N, C-alpha and C. Protein backbone atom coordinates (compact mmCIF):
# COMPACT_ATOMS: atom_id res chain seq x y z
N UNK A 1 0.86 -1.16 0.00
CA UNK A 1 0.00 0.00 0.00
C UNK A 1 0.91 1.23 0.00
N UNK A 2 0.63 2.17 -0.86
CA UNK A 2 1.50 3.33 -0.92
C UNK A 2 1.19 4.32 0.22
N UNK A 3 2.08 5.26 0.40
CA UNK A 3 2.02 6.19 1.53
C UNK A 3 0.75 7.02 1.53
N UNK A 4 0.32 7.49 0.40
CA UNK A 4 -0.89 8.32 0.33
C UNK A 4 -2.12 7.53 0.78
N UNK A 5 -2.21 6.28 0.37
CA UNK A 5 -3.34 5.45 0.78
C UNK A 5 -3.29 5.17 2.28
N UNK A 6 -2.10 4.91 2.79
CA UNK A 6 -1.94 4.68 4.24
C UNK A 6 -2.37 5.91 5.03
N UNK A 7 -1.93 7.07 4.59
CA UNK A 7 -2.27 8.30 5.29
C UNK A 7 -3.76 8.58 5.21
N UNK A 8 -4.37 8.28 4.08
CA UNK A 8 -5.81 8.46 3.94
C UNK A 8 -6.59 7.54 4.86
N UNK A 9 -6.17 6.29 4.93
CA UNK A 9 -6.82 5.33 5.81
C UNK A 9 -6.61 5.72 7.27
N UNK A 10 -5.41 6.19 7.59
CA UNK A 10 -5.12 6.63 8.95
C UNK A 10 -6.04 7.79 9.33
N UNK A 11 -6.22 8.73 8.44
CA UNK A 11 -7.11 9.87 8.69
C UNK A 11 -8.55 9.39 8.90
N UNK A 12 -9.00 8.45 8.07
CA UNK A 12 -10.35 7.91 8.21
C UNK A 12 -10.54 7.18 9.54
N UNK A 13 -9.54 6.41 9.96
CA UNK A 13 -9.63 5.70 11.23
C UNK A 13 -9.69 6.67 12.40
N UNK A 14 -8.90 7.72 12.34
CA UNK A 14 -8.92 8.71 13.42
C UNK A 14 -10.23 9.48 13.44
N UNK A 15 -10.81 9.72 12.29
CA UNK A 15 -12.14 10.36 12.24
C UNK A 15 -13.20 9.44 12.83
N UNK A 16 -13.10 8.15 12.55
CA UNK A 16 -14.02 7.16 13.13
C UNK A 16 -13.89 7.17 14.64
N UNK A 17 -12.67 7.18 15.16
CA UNK A 17 -12.46 7.20 16.61
C UNK A 17 -13.05 8.47 17.22
N UNK A 18 -12.89 9.59 16.55
CA UNK A 18 -13.46 10.85 17.06
C UNK A 18 -14.99 10.78 17.09
N UNK A 19 -15.59 10.17 16.08
CA UNK A 19 -17.04 10.01 16.05
C UNK A 19 -17.52 9.11 17.18
N UNK A 20 -16.82 8.01 17.41
CA UNK A 20 -17.18 7.10 18.49
C UNK A 20 -17.06 7.80 19.83
N UNK A 21 -15.96 8.53 20.02
CA UNK A 21 -15.74 9.25 21.26
C UNK A 21 -16.85 10.28 21.50
N UNK A 22 -17.23 11.01 20.46
CA UNK A 22 -18.29 12.02 20.59
C UNK A 22 -19.64 11.37 20.91
N UNK A 23 -19.94 10.25 20.27
CA UNK A 23 -21.20 9.55 20.53
C UNK A 23 -21.25 8.97 21.93
N UNK A 24 -20.09 8.57 22.45
CA UNK A 24 -20.05 7.93 23.76
C UNK A 24 -20.12 8.93 24.91
N UNK A 25 -19.73 10.17 24.66
CA UNK A 25 -19.73 11.16 25.73
C UNK A 25 -21.12 11.31 26.34
N UNK A 26 -21.16 11.35 27.63
CA UNK A 26 -22.43 11.49 28.33
C UNK A 26 -23.17 10.19 28.54
N UNK A 27 -22.73 9.12 27.91
CA UNK A 27 -23.41 7.83 28.06
C UNK A 27 -22.77 6.96 29.13
N UNK A 28 -21.57 7.30 29.55
CA UNK A 28 -20.85 6.48 30.52
C UNK A 28 -21.61 6.32 31.84
N UNK A 29 -22.24 7.38 32.31
CA UNK A 29 -22.90 7.34 33.61
C UNK A 29 -24.02 6.31 33.68
N UNK A 30 -24.77 6.17 32.61
CA UNK A 30 -25.92 5.26 32.62
C UNK A 30 -25.67 3.97 31.84
N UNK A 31 -24.44 3.71 31.50
CA UNK A 31 -24.11 2.55 30.65
C UNK A 31 -24.07 1.26 31.46
N UNK A 32 -24.26 0.17 30.74
CA UNK A 32 -24.11 -1.17 31.32
C UNK A 32 -22.67 -1.35 31.80
N UNK A 33 -22.47 -2.19 32.82
CA UNK A 33 -21.09 -2.46 33.26
C UNK A 33 -20.26 -3.03 32.10
N UNK A 34 -19.08 -2.54 31.95
CA UNK A 34 -18.20 -3.01 30.88
C UNK A 34 -18.34 -2.23 29.59
N UNK A 35 -19.38 -1.45 29.44
CA UNK A 35 -19.58 -0.70 28.19
C UNK A 35 -18.46 0.32 28.00
N UNK A 36 -18.15 1.07 29.07
CA UNK A 36 -17.10 2.06 28.98
C UNK A 36 -15.76 1.41 28.63
N UNK A 37 -15.46 0.29 29.27
CA UNK A 37 -14.22 -0.42 28.97
C UNK A 37 -14.19 -0.88 27.52
N UNK A 38 -15.32 -1.32 27.00
CA UNK A 38 -15.40 -1.73 25.60
C UNK A 38 -15.15 -0.58 24.65
N UNK A 39 -15.72 0.56 24.96
CA UNK A 39 -15.51 1.75 24.13
C UNK A 39 -14.04 2.16 24.17
N UNK A 40 -13.46 2.20 25.36
CA UNK A 40 -12.05 2.59 25.49
C UNK A 40 -11.14 1.61 24.76
N UNK A 41 -11.42 0.30 24.86
CA UNK A 41 -10.61 -0.69 24.16
C UNK A 41 -10.71 -0.48 22.65
N UNK A 42 -11.91 -0.23 22.17
CA UNK A 42 -12.11 -0.01 20.73
C UNK A 42 -11.33 1.21 20.25
N UNK A 43 -11.39 2.28 21.02
CA UNK A 43 -10.66 3.50 20.65
C UNK A 43 -9.15 3.25 20.64
N UNK A 44 -8.64 2.51 21.60
CA UNK A 44 -7.22 2.18 21.62
C UNK A 44 -6.83 1.32 20.43
N UNK A 45 -7.67 0.35 20.10
CA UNK A 45 -7.39 -0.51 18.95
C UNK A 45 -7.34 0.30 17.66
N UNK A 46 -8.31 1.19 17.48
CA UNK A 46 -8.34 2.03 16.27
C UNK A 46 -7.09 2.90 16.21
N UNK A 47 -6.73 3.53 17.33
CA UNK A 47 -5.55 4.40 17.34
C UNK A 47 -4.27 3.61 17.07
N UNK A 48 -4.13 2.44 17.66
CA UNK A 48 -2.94 1.61 17.41
C UNK A 48 -2.87 1.18 15.95
N UNK A 49 -4.00 0.82 15.38
CA UNK A 49 -4.03 0.42 13.97
C UNK A 49 -3.65 1.60 13.09
N UNK A 50 -4.19 2.77 13.38
CA UNK A 50 -3.86 3.97 12.61
C UNK A 50 -2.38 4.30 12.71
N UNK A 51 -1.81 4.18 13.90
CA UNK A 51 -0.39 4.48 14.08
C UNK A 51 0.50 3.52 13.30
N UNK A 52 0.10 2.27 13.22
CA UNK A 52 0.91 1.28 12.51
C UNK A 52 0.94 1.53 11.01
N UNK A 53 -0.03 2.23 10.50
CA UNK A 53 -0.07 2.48 9.05
C UNK A 53 1.09 3.33 8.57
N UNK A 54 1.66 4.11 9.43
CA UNK A 54 2.79 4.95 9.02
C UNK A 54 4.11 4.41 9.53
N UNK A 55 4.13 3.19 10.04
CA UNK A 55 5.37 2.57 10.51
C UNK A 55 5.90 1.56 9.50
N UNK A 56 5.49 1.68 8.25
CA UNK A 56 5.93 0.78 7.17
C UNK A 56 5.69 -0.68 7.49
N UNK A 57 4.54 -0.98 8.06
CA UNK A 57 4.16 -2.37 8.30
C UNK A 57 3.14 -2.78 7.26
N UNK A 58 3.18 -4.05 6.86
CA UNK A 58 2.20 -4.50 5.86
C UNK A 58 0.79 -4.58 6.41
């Protein structure tokens, strides 16, 4: 995958994480147990995946 495609995908992943974070705000107080942890894990996974795209990994 070339650099431009990686950077585009990285930008899309970070936008997705921002959307998830915005949707989750205010829901933590009334959420089921474990929901917040699931959201945080998902955000970390997305960010780690996005970061790897610019580390020349396949």
